N, C-alpha and C. Protein backbone atom coordinates (compact mmCIF):
# COMPACT_ATOMS: atom_id res chain seq x y z
N LEU A 1 0.83 -1.19 0.00
CA LEU A 1 0.00 0.00 0.00
C LEU A 1 0.87 1.25 0.00
N GLY A 2 1.85 1.27 0.90
CA GLY A 2 2.73 2.43 0.98
C GLY A 2 3.49 2.68 -0.31
N ARG A 3 4.03 1.63 -0.92
CA ARG A 3 4.77 1.79 -2.17
C ARG A 3 3.86 2.29 -3.29
N THR A 4 2.66 1.78 -3.34
CA THR A 4 1.72 2.21 -4.38
C THR A 4 1.37 3.68 -4.20
N LEU A 5 1.09 4.10 -2.99
CA LEU A 5 0.78 5.50 -2.73
C LEU A 5 1.96 6.40 -3.05
N ALA A 6 3.18 5.91 -2.78
CA ALA A 6 4.38 6.72 -3.01
C ALA A 6 4.67 6.94 -4.49
N LEU A 7 4.04 6.19 -5.36
CA LEU A 7 4.25 6.39 -6.80
C LEU A 7 3.80 7.78 -7.23
N ARG A 8 2.74 8.29 -6.61
CA ARG A 8 2.18 9.57 -7.03
C ARG A 8 2.04 10.60 -5.91
N HIS A 9 2.32 10.18 -4.69
CA HIS A 9 2.11 11.07 -3.55
C HIS A 9 3.29 10.98 -2.58
N ARG A 10 3.35 11.95 -1.67
CA ARG A 10 4.34 11.87 -0.59
C ARG A 10 3.75 10.93 0.46
N ALA A 11 4.41 9.80 0.68
CA ALA A 11 3.88 8.77 1.58
C ALA A 11 4.97 8.29 2.53
N ILE A 12 4.52 7.94 3.73
CA ILE A 12 5.42 7.39 4.74
C ILE A 12 4.74 6.19 5.38
N LEU A 13 5.52 5.16 5.64
CA LEU A 13 5.05 3.96 6.33
C LEU A 13 5.68 3.97 7.71
N VAL A 14 4.84 3.96 8.75
CA VAL A 14 5.32 4.05 10.13
C VAL A 14 4.98 2.76 10.86
N ALA A 15 5.99 2.06 11.33
CA ALA A 15 5.78 0.87 12.15
C ALA A 15 5.53 1.33 13.58
N ILE A 16 4.30 1.14 14.05
CA ILE A 16 3.95 1.57 15.39
C ILE A 16 4.57 0.63 16.43
N ASP A 17 4.57 -0.65 16.13
CA ASP A 17 5.21 -1.63 17.00
C ASP A 17 6.00 -2.59 16.12
N GLY A 18 6.87 -3.35 16.71
CA GLY A 18 7.74 -4.21 15.93
C GLY A 18 7.25 -5.64 15.77
N GLY A 19 6.12 -5.97 16.34
CA GLY A 19 5.67 -7.35 16.27
C GLY A 19 6.66 -8.23 17.02
N ASP A 20 6.99 -9.36 16.44
CA ASP A 20 7.92 -10.30 17.07
C ASP A 20 9.37 -10.04 16.70
N GLU A 21 9.61 -9.09 15.80
CA GLU A 21 10.96 -8.84 15.32
C GLU A 21 11.68 -7.85 16.24
N PRO A 22 12.90 -8.17 16.67
CA PRO A 22 13.64 -7.21 17.48
C PRO A 22 14.07 -6.01 16.62
N ALA A 23 14.00 -4.83 17.20
CA ALA A 23 14.37 -3.62 16.46
C ALA A 23 15.87 -3.57 16.23
N SER A 24 16.24 -3.09 15.06
CA SER A 24 17.66 -2.97 14.75
C SER A 24 18.12 -1.51 14.78
N CYS A 25 17.18 -0.58 14.94
CA CYS A 25 17.55 0.83 15.00
C CYS A 25 16.46 1.63 15.72
N HIS A 26 16.78 2.88 16.03
CA HIS A 26 15.79 3.76 16.64
C HIS A 26 14.62 3.93 15.68
N GLY A 27 13.44 4.21 16.25
CA GLY A 27 12.27 4.38 15.41
C GLY A 27 11.17 5.15 16.11
N PHE A 28 9.93 4.80 15.76
CA PHE A 28 8.75 5.52 16.23
C PHE A 28 8.69 5.61 17.75
N THR A 29 8.88 4.50 18.44
CA THR A 29 8.78 4.53 19.90
C THR A 29 9.84 5.44 20.51
N ASN A 30 11.04 5.45 19.94
CA ASN A 30 12.09 6.32 20.44
C ASN A 30 11.78 7.79 20.17
N LEU A 31 11.15 8.07 19.02
CA LEU A 31 10.75 9.44 18.70
C LEU A 31 9.68 9.93 19.68
N VAL A 32 8.68 9.11 19.94
CA VAL A 32 7.62 9.47 20.88
C VAL A 32 8.20 9.70 22.27
N ALA A 33 9.19 8.92 22.64
CA ALA A 33 9.82 9.07 23.97
C ALA A 33 10.76 10.27 24.03
N GLY A 34 11.00 10.93 22.92
CA GLY A 34 11.86 12.11 22.90
C GLY A 34 13.34 11.79 22.85
N GLU A 35 13.69 10.57 22.50
CA GLU A 35 15.09 10.16 22.48
C GLU A 35 15.81 10.53 21.18
N VAL A 36 15.06 10.70 20.09
CA VAL A 36 15.66 10.99 18.79
C VAL A 36 14.79 12.00 18.04
N SER A 37 15.34 12.54 16.97
CA SER A 37 14.61 13.51 16.15
C SER A 37 13.93 12.81 14.97
N PHE A 38 13.03 13.52 14.31
CA PHE A 38 12.39 13.00 13.11
C PHE A 38 13.44 12.62 12.07
N ALA A 39 14.40 13.50 11.87
CA ALA A 39 15.42 13.27 10.84
C ALA A 39 16.23 12.00 11.11
N ALA A 40 16.37 11.64 12.37
CA ALA A 40 17.18 10.47 12.72
C ALA A 40 16.47 9.15 12.42
N ILE A 41 15.16 9.17 12.26
CA ILE A 41 14.44 7.90 12.10
C ILE A 41 13.77 7.71 10.74
N ILE A 42 13.66 8.77 9.96
CA ILE A 42 13.00 8.66 8.65
C ILE A 42 14.02 8.26 7.61
N ALA A 43 13.74 7.18 6.90
CA ALA A 43 14.63 6.71 5.84
C ALA A 43 13.81 6.55 4.56
N ARG A 44 14.50 6.55 3.46
CA ARG A 44 13.84 6.31 2.17
C ARG A 44 14.09 4.87 1.78
N GLU A 45 13.02 4.18 1.41
CA GLU A 45 13.13 2.78 0.99
C GLU A 45 13.90 2.70 -0.32
N ASN A 46 14.76 1.69 -0.43
CA ASN A 46 15.51 1.50 -1.67
C ASN A 46 14.58 1.28 -2.85
N HIS A 47 14.89 1.86 -3.98
CA HIS A 47 14.15 1.67 -5.24
C HIS A 47 12.70 2.13 -5.13
N SER A 48 12.44 3.12 -4.27
CA SER A 48 11.08 3.59 -4.07
C SER A 48 11.14 5.03 -3.54
N ARG A 49 10.04 5.74 -3.67
CA ARG A 49 9.94 7.08 -3.09
C ARG A 49 9.35 7.04 -1.68
N LEU A 50 9.02 5.85 -1.22
CA LEU A 50 8.40 5.68 0.09
C LEU A 50 9.38 5.97 1.21
N HIS A 51 8.96 6.79 2.16
CA HIS A 51 9.72 7.01 3.37
C HIS A 51 9.23 6.01 4.41
N VAL A 52 10.14 5.54 5.26
CA VAL A 52 9.79 4.53 6.26
C VAL A 52 10.35 4.92 7.62
N VAL A 53 9.60 4.50 8.65
CA VAL A 53 10.04 4.67 10.04
C VAL A 53 9.85 3.32 10.71
N GLY A 54 10.92 2.79 11.27
CA GLY A 54 10.84 1.52 11.99
C GLY A 54 10.17 1.72 13.34
N ALA A 55 9.94 0.61 14.02
CA ALA A 55 9.23 0.65 15.30
C ALA A 55 10.07 1.24 16.43
N GLY A 56 11.34 0.96 16.43
CA GLY A 56 12.19 1.44 17.51
C GLY A 56 12.43 0.37 18.56
N PHE A 57 13.24 0.73 19.55
CA PHE A 57 13.67 -0.21 20.57
C PHE A 57 12.70 -0.39 21.72
N LEU A 58 11.85 0.58 21.97
CA LEU A 58 10.97 0.53 23.13
C LEU A 58 9.73 -0.33 22.85
N ASP A 59 9.15 -0.88 23.89
CA ASP A 59 7.96 -1.71 23.78
C ASP A 59 6.79 -0.85 23.30
N GLY A 60 6.13 -1.28 22.21
CA GLY A 60 5.00 -0.54 21.67
C GLY A 60 3.86 -0.36 22.67
N ALA A 61 3.75 -1.24 23.66
CA ALA A 61 2.70 -1.14 24.67
C ALA A 61 2.86 0.14 25.50
N LEU A 62 4.06 0.68 25.58
CA LEU A 62 4.29 1.91 26.34
C LEU A 62 3.66 3.13 25.69
N LEU A 63 3.33 3.02 24.40
CA LEU A 63 2.79 4.16 23.68
C LEU A 63 1.43 4.61 24.23
N ALA A 64 0.66 3.68 24.76
CA ALA A 64 -0.66 4.03 25.29
C ALA A 64 -0.55 5.05 26.42
N GLY A 65 0.53 4.99 27.18
CA GLY A 65 0.74 5.95 28.26
C GLY A 65 1.27 7.29 27.77
N GLU A 66 1.66 7.34 26.53
CA GLU A 66 2.21 8.57 25.93
C GLU A 66 1.30 9.07 24.82
N TRP A 67 -0.01 9.02 25.02
CA TRP A 67 -0.95 9.31 23.95
C TRP A 67 -0.80 10.72 23.38
N ARG A 68 -0.47 11.70 24.20
CA ARG A 68 -0.29 13.07 23.68
C ARG A 68 0.90 13.14 22.75
N ALA A 69 1.99 12.50 23.13
CA ALA A 69 3.18 12.49 22.28
C ALA A 69 2.93 11.72 20.98
N VAL A 70 2.18 10.63 21.08
CA VAL A 70 1.82 9.87 19.87
C VAL A 70 1.00 10.75 18.95
N ASP A 71 0.02 11.45 19.50
CA ASP A 71 -0.85 12.30 18.70
C ASP A 71 -0.07 13.43 18.03
N VAL A 72 0.82 14.07 18.77
CA VAL A 72 1.64 15.15 18.21
C VAL A 72 2.54 14.61 17.09
N THR A 73 3.12 13.44 17.32
CA THR A 73 4.01 12.84 16.32
C THR A 73 3.25 12.50 15.05
N LEU A 74 2.10 11.87 15.18
CA LEU A 74 1.31 11.52 14.00
C LEU A 74 0.78 12.77 13.29
N ALA A 75 0.44 13.81 14.04
CA ALA A 75 -0.01 15.06 13.44
C ALA A 75 1.12 15.69 12.61
N ALA A 76 2.34 15.59 13.09
CA ALA A 76 3.48 16.12 12.33
C ALA A 76 3.65 15.36 11.02
N PHE A 77 3.50 14.03 11.06
CA PHE A 77 3.55 13.26 9.82
C PHE A 77 2.40 13.66 8.89
N ASP A 78 1.21 13.86 9.45
CA ASP A 78 0.05 14.28 8.65
C ASP A 78 0.31 15.58 7.91
N GLN A 79 1.00 16.51 8.55
CA GLN A 79 1.27 17.81 7.93
C GLN A 79 2.34 17.73 6.86
N THR A 80 3.20 16.73 6.94
CA THR A 80 4.33 16.62 6.02
C THR A 80 4.03 15.72 4.82
N TYR A 81 3.22 14.71 5.02
CA TYR A 81 2.96 13.71 3.98
C TYR A 81 1.50 13.71 3.55
N ASP A 82 1.29 13.33 2.29
CA ASP A 82 -0.07 13.17 1.79
C ASP A 82 -0.73 11.94 2.40
N TRP A 83 0.07 10.89 2.60
CA TRP A 83 -0.42 9.62 3.14
C TRP A 83 0.50 9.15 4.25
N VAL A 84 -0.09 8.80 5.38
CA VAL A 84 0.63 8.21 6.50
C VAL A 84 0.03 6.82 6.71
N VAL A 85 0.81 5.78 6.41
CA VAL A 85 0.36 4.40 6.57
C VAL A 85 1.02 3.87 7.83
N CYS A 86 0.20 3.53 8.82
CA CYS A 86 0.71 3.01 10.08
C CYS A 86 0.52 1.51 10.12
N VAL A 87 1.54 0.81 10.58
CA VAL A 87 1.48 -0.65 10.70
C VAL A 87 1.51 -1.00 12.18
N LEU A 88 0.48 -1.71 12.61
CA LEU A 88 0.39 -2.17 14.00
C LEU A 88 0.36 -3.69 13.96
N HIS A 89 1.43 -4.31 14.39
CA HIS A 89 1.53 -5.78 14.35
C HIS A 89 0.75 -6.44 15.47
N ASP A 90 0.74 -5.81 16.63
CA ASP A 90 0.11 -6.42 17.79
C ASP A 90 -1.28 -5.82 17.99
N GLY A 91 -2.27 -6.39 17.33
CA GLY A 91 -3.62 -5.91 17.47
C GLY A 91 -4.26 -6.29 18.78
N ALA A 92 -3.54 -7.01 19.63
CA ALA A 92 -4.09 -7.48 20.89
C ALA A 92 -4.03 -6.42 22.00
N ASN A 93 -3.33 -5.32 21.77
CA ASN A 93 -3.17 -4.30 22.79
C ASN A 93 -4.38 -3.35 22.76
N PRO A 94 -5.35 -3.54 23.65
CA PRO A 94 -6.58 -2.74 23.60
C PRO A 94 -6.35 -1.24 23.84
N GLU A 95 -5.40 -0.88 24.70
CA GLU A 95 -5.14 0.53 24.96
C GLU A 95 -4.60 1.22 23.70
N LEU A 96 -3.70 0.55 23.01
CA LEU A 96 -3.13 1.12 21.79
C LEU A 96 -4.19 1.21 20.70
N LEU A 97 -5.06 0.22 20.60
CA LEU A 97 -6.15 0.27 19.62
C LEU A 97 -7.08 1.46 19.91
N ARG A 98 -7.42 1.67 21.18
CA ARG A 98 -8.30 2.79 21.53
C ARG A 98 -7.64 4.13 21.25
N LEU A 99 -6.33 4.18 21.36
CA LEU A 99 -5.59 5.40 21.08
C LEU A 99 -5.55 5.70 19.58
N LEU A 100 -5.29 4.68 18.78
CA LEU A 100 -5.06 4.90 17.35
C LEU A 100 -6.32 4.84 16.49
N ALA A 101 -7.26 3.98 16.81
CA ALA A 101 -8.42 3.76 15.94
C ALA A 101 -9.19 5.03 15.59
N PRO A 102 -9.52 5.89 16.54
CA PRO A 102 -10.28 7.08 16.17
C PRO A 102 -9.49 8.07 15.32
N ARG A 103 -8.18 7.98 15.38
CA ARG A 103 -7.32 8.91 14.65
C ARG A 103 -7.16 8.53 13.18
N MET A 104 -7.38 7.29 12.84
CA MET A 104 -7.17 6.78 11.49
C MET A 104 -8.39 7.03 10.60
N ASP A 105 -8.16 7.40 9.34
CA ASP A 105 -9.25 7.54 8.38
C ASP A 105 -9.83 6.18 8.03
N SER A 106 -8.95 5.21 7.84
CA SER A 106 -9.35 3.84 7.51
C SER A 106 -8.37 2.87 8.15
N ILE A 107 -8.88 1.70 8.47
CA ILE A 107 -8.03 0.65 9.01
C ILE A 107 -8.19 -0.58 8.12
N VAL A 108 -7.07 -1.16 7.73
CA VAL A 108 -7.08 -2.37 6.93
C VAL A 108 -6.55 -3.50 7.79
N ILE A 109 -7.38 -4.52 7.96
CA ILE A 109 -6.94 -5.73 8.66
C ILE A 109 -6.45 -6.68 7.58
N SER A 110 -5.19 -7.03 7.64
CA SER A 110 -4.63 -7.98 6.68
C SER A 110 -4.70 -9.37 7.30
N SER A 111 -5.59 -10.21 6.76
CA SER A 111 -5.80 -11.52 7.35
C SER A 111 -6.29 -12.51 6.30
N ASN A 112 -5.78 -13.72 6.37
CA ASN A 112 -6.27 -14.79 5.51
C ASN A 112 -7.22 -15.71 6.26
N GLU A 113 -7.66 -15.27 7.44
CA GLU A 113 -8.66 -16.02 8.19
C GLU A 113 -9.96 -16.06 7.39
N ASP A 114 -10.76 -17.08 7.66
CA ASP A 114 -12.10 -17.13 7.09
C ASP A 114 -12.83 -15.86 7.52
N PRO A 115 -13.54 -15.18 6.60
CA PRO A 115 -14.21 -13.93 6.96
C PRO A 115 -15.18 -14.06 8.14
N GLU A 116 -15.66 -15.25 8.41
CA GLU A 116 -16.60 -15.44 9.51
C GLU A 116 -15.94 -16.04 10.75
N SER A 117 -14.60 -16.13 10.76
CA SER A 117 -13.93 -16.69 11.94
C SER A 117 -14.15 -15.77 13.13
N LEU A 118 -14.39 -16.36 14.28
CA LEU A 118 -14.70 -15.60 15.48
C LEU A 118 -13.60 -14.60 15.86
N PRO A 119 -12.31 -14.99 15.84
CA PRO A 119 -11.28 -14.00 16.21
C PRO A 119 -11.26 -12.79 15.26
N LEU A 120 -11.46 -13.02 13.97
CA LEU A 120 -11.45 -11.92 13.01
C LEU A 120 -12.67 -11.02 13.22
N VAL A 121 -13.83 -11.61 13.41
CA VAL A 121 -15.04 -10.83 13.65
C VAL A 121 -14.91 -10.03 14.94
N GLU A 122 -14.38 -10.63 15.99
CA GLU A 122 -14.20 -9.93 17.27
C GLU A 122 -13.21 -8.78 17.14
N PHE A 123 -12.13 -9.00 16.39
CA PHE A 123 -11.15 -7.94 16.18
C PHE A 123 -11.77 -6.78 15.41
N TYR A 124 -12.53 -7.08 14.39
CA TYR A 124 -13.24 -6.07 13.61
C TYR A 124 -14.14 -5.26 14.54
N GLU A 125 -14.91 -5.96 15.37
CA GLU A 125 -15.83 -5.29 16.28
C GLU A 125 -15.10 -4.43 17.32
N ARG A 126 -13.94 -4.92 17.81
CA ARG A 126 -13.14 -4.13 18.76
C ARG A 126 -12.67 -2.82 18.12
N LEU A 127 -12.28 -2.88 16.86
CA LEU A 127 -11.84 -1.67 16.16
C LEU A 127 -12.99 -0.67 16.01
N LYS A 128 -14.14 -1.17 15.64
CA LYS A 128 -15.30 -0.29 15.48
C LYS A 128 -15.68 0.33 16.84
N GLU A 129 -15.66 -0.48 17.89
CA GLU A 129 -15.99 0.02 19.24
C GLU A 129 -14.94 1.03 19.72
N ALA A 130 -13.71 0.88 19.25
CA ALA A 130 -12.64 1.80 19.64
C ALA A 130 -12.72 3.13 18.90
N GLY A 131 -13.62 3.22 17.91
CA GLY A 131 -13.80 4.48 17.21
C GLY A 131 -13.29 4.52 15.79
N ALA A 132 -12.94 3.37 15.22
CA ALA A 132 -12.49 3.34 13.83
C ALA A 132 -13.64 3.75 12.91
N LYS A 133 -13.34 4.66 11.98
CA LYS A 133 -14.38 5.14 11.07
C LYS A 133 -14.70 4.13 9.98
N ASP A 134 -13.68 3.54 9.42
CA ASP A 134 -13.84 2.62 8.30
C ASP A 134 -12.87 1.46 8.50
N VAL A 135 -13.37 0.23 8.50
CA VAL A 135 -12.53 -0.95 8.68
C VAL A 135 -12.74 -1.87 7.49
N VAL A 136 -11.64 -2.27 6.87
CA VAL A 136 -11.67 -3.15 5.71
C VAL A 136 -10.81 -4.37 6.02
N VAL A 137 -11.28 -5.55 5.63
CA VAL A 137 -10.48 -6.76 5.78
C VAL A 137 -9.93 -7.12 4.41
N ALA A 138 -8.61 -7.21 4.31
CA ALA A 138 -7.95 -7.55 3.05
C ALA A 138 -7.40 -8.97 3.15
N ARG A 139 -7.66 -9.75 2.13
CA ARG A 139 -7.17 -11.12 2.06
C ARG A 139 -6.21 -11.25 0.90
N GLU A 140 -5.28 -12.18 1.04
CA GLU A 140 -4.38 -12.50 -0.06
C GLU A 140 -5.21 -13.12 -1.18
N ALA A 141 -4.93 -12.74 -2.41
CA ALA A 141 -5.68 -13.28 -3.54
C ALA A 141 -5.47 -14.79 -3.62
N GLU A 142 -6.54 -15.51 -3.83
CA GLU A 142 -6.44 -16.96 -3.96
C GLU A 142 -6.03 -17.28 -5.39
N PRO A 143 -5.19 -18.31 -5.57
CA PRO A 143 -4.76 -18.67 -6.92
C PRO A 143 -5.96 -19.13 -7.75
N ALA A 144 -5.90 -18.83 -9.03
CA ALA A 144 -6.99 -19.22 -9.93
C ALA A 144 -7.05 -20.75 -10.01
N ASP A 145 -8.25 -21.25 -10.09
CA ASP A 145 -8.48 -22.69 -10.22
C ASP A 145 -8.10 -23.14 -11.63
N ALA A 146 -7.23 -24.12 -11.75
CA ALA A 146 -6.76 -24.59 -13.05
C ALA A 146 -7.90 -25.10 -13.91
N ASP A 147 -8.96 -25.62 -13.28
CA ASP A 147 -10.09 -26.15 -14.04
C ASP A 147 -10.92 -25.05 -14.68
N LEU A 148 -10.74 -23.81 -14.28
CA LEU A 148 -11.55 -22.72 -14.81
C LEU A 148 -10.87 -21.98 -15.94
N VAL A 149 -9.72 -22.45 -16.39
CA VAL A 149 -9.00 -21.78 -17.47
C VAL A 149 -9.79 -21.95 -18.78
N ALA A 150 -10.03 -20.84 -19.44
CA ALA A 150 -10.79 -20.89 -20.70
C ALA A 150 -9.95 -21.47 -21.82
N ALA A 151 -10.58 -22.21 -22.67
CA ALA A 151 -9.88 -22.85 -23.81
C ALA A 151 -9.81 -21.90 -24.96
């Protein structure tokens, strides 16, 4: 999504948390904590116009306690870029969801779960209850059935 948007617009992809991957450099969490500057964490992706910000070294769960700093940081990105794409790997953090959901124009859940699976439906509902305006579930395209190939 970020790369596609960067083709025609000023776009940045911000990793809000690192998921299971250990951080290799300062990033969003360090910026929110006041440890580094914007210039120190924004990089340009190779072979693309997309700017990227890694998650940083600090635990993403700490961001919920720093909601004003998160809001100021995201507002600064909003003023600088046409598109700010935020990636949240740990959707299980309810405080972080309540902080971010109302601020986002749209939320895309990337999942290959069955659309009616209980965990996916519950996650969708949690986002809506947290104040998300628009929630979309995106699935990986399924391969075409070989039997349906036209002769």
